[in-house]
Amino acid sequence: MGVQVLILASADIGGVLLLTSSFDYLGLGVQAPTPSWGLLISEGQKYVREAPYLALIPGIAIFLVVIGANLVSQRFTSERELSTLRRRKKARA
């Protein structure tokens, strides 16, 4: 039961982060004094010619966290499948 929760949670982290960042970028999420990656991208977009890193760094951070969460979820899933296969082999023997 605990492994299933970890798989679902790690799989959902990426989607939730993308959703909240998108809302914040569009101005539908948190407001200016509260830091958010979507809000940082939105504010950094104004200065993209002078300082492109203001928009790029939060975007890269979102990308890395989403990829990392997906890799963790994939790892939990493969470990669970391997343990299920091992139990089936023991049951047959």
Protein backbone atom coordinates (compact mmCIF):
# COMPACT_ATOMS: atom_id res chain seq x y z
CA MET A 1 0.00 0.00 0.00
CA GLY A 2 2.78 2.46 0.89
CA VAL A 3 4.67 1.91 -2.37
CA GLN A 4 1.50 2.55 -4.38
CA VAL A 5 1.04 5.88 -2.62
CA LEU A 6 4.66 6.83 -3.37
CA ILE A 7 4.20 5.93 -7.04
CA LEU A 8 1.04 8.01 -7.35
CA ALA A 9 2.46 10.94 -5.39
CA SER A 10 5.68 11.10 -7.37
CA ALA A 11 3.77 10.80 -10.65
CA ASP A 12 1.40 13.61 -9.65
CA ILE A 13 4.10 16.04 -8.51
CA GLY A 14 5.09 16.93 -12.07
CA GLY A 15 1.54 17.53 -13.22
CA VAL A 16 0.64 19.60 -10.19
CA LEU A 17 3.79 21.70 -10.56
CA LEU A 18 3.08 22.35 -14.24
CA LEU A 19 -0.55 23.20 -13.52
CA THR A 20 0.21 25.63 -10.68
CA SER A 21 3.07 27.23 -12.61
CA SER A 22 0.80 27.72 -15.61
CA PHE A 23 -1.89 29.35 -13.48
CA ASP A 24 0.69 31.58 -11.81
CA TYR A 25 2.18 32.56 -15.18
CA LEU A 26 -1.27 33.55 -16.46
CA GLY A 27 -1.97 35.56 -13.30
CA LEU A 28 -4.62 33.17 -12.02
CA GLY A 29 -2.57 31.82 -9.12
CA VAL A 30 -0.62 33.48 -6.33
CA GLN A 31 -0.05 37.22 -6.48
CA ALA A 32 3.16 39.28 -6.63
CA PRO A 33 4.68 39.19 -3.15
CA THR A 34 4.43 35.39 -2.98
CA PRO A 35 7.24 33.66 -4.89
CA SER A 36 6.26 31.13 -7.55
CA TRP A 37 8.09 29.70 -10.54
CA GLY A 38 5.27 30.64 -12.90
CA LEU A 39 5.22 34.17 -11.54
CA LEU A 40 9.02 34.39 -11.85
CA ILE A 41 8.79 33.39 -15.52
CA SER A 42 6.01 35.92 -16.10
CA GLU A 43 7.97 38.74 -14.45
CA GLY A 44 11.23 37.70 -16.12
CA GLN A 45 9.57 37.78 -19.53
CA LYS A 46 9.47 41.58 -19.32
CA TYR A 47 13.27 41.69 -19.17
CA VAL A 48 14.11 38.82 -21.50
CA ARG A 49 16.22 41.00 -23.84
CA GLU A 50 18.35 42.50 -21.05
CA ALA A 51 18.53 39.51 -18.71
CA PRO A 52 17.20 36.29 -20.26
CA TYR A 53 18.25 34.24 -17.25
CA LEU A 54 15.39 35.79 -15.23
CA ALA A 55 12.92 33.73 -17.27
CA LEU A 56 15.19 30.81 -18.16
CA ILE A 57 16.28 29.74 -14.68
CA PRO A 58 12.74 29.18 -13.30
CA GLY A 59 11.80 27.37 -16.52
CA ILE A 60 14.81 25.09 -16.24
CA ALA A 61 14.03 24.47 -12.57
CA ILE A 62 10.46 23.44 -13.44
CA PHE A 63 11.77 21.17 -16.19
CA LEU A 64 14.29 19.48 -13.89
CA VAL A 65 11.80 18.93 -11.05
CA VAL A 66 9.18 17.46 -13.42
CA ILE A 67 11.73 15.15 -15.07
CA GLY A 68 13.10 14.16 -11.65
CA ALA A 69 9.64 13.36 -10.29
CA ASN A 70 8.85 11.29 -13.37
CA LEU A 71 12.11 9.36 -13.05
CA VAL A 72 11.44 8.66 -9.36
CA SER A 73 7.93 7.48 -10.21
CA GLN A 74 9.29 5.25 -12.96
CA ARG A 75 11.88 3.81 -10.59
CA PHE A 76 9.24 3.01 -7.94
CA THR A 77 7.06 1.39 -10.60
CA SER A 78 9.86 -0.78 -11.97
CA GLU A 79 10.93 -1.84 -8.46
CA ARG A 80 7.35 -2.80 -7.65
CA GLU A 81 7.03 -4.81 -10.86
CA LEU A 82 10.32 -6.62 -10.14
CA SER A 83 9.24 -7.52 -6.62
CA THR A 84 5.90 -8.81 -7.98
CA LEU A 85 7.73 -11.00 -10.52
CA ARG A 86 10.05 -12.36 -7.82
CA ARG A 87 7.08 -13.29 -5.61
CA ARG A 88 5.40 -15.07 -8.52
CA LYS A 89 8.56 -17.06 -9.27
CA LYS A 90 8.83 -18.13 -5.62
CA ALA A 91 5.19 -19.17 -5.58
CA ARG A 92 5.68 -21.36 -8.67
CA ALA A 93 8.76 -23.08 -7.27
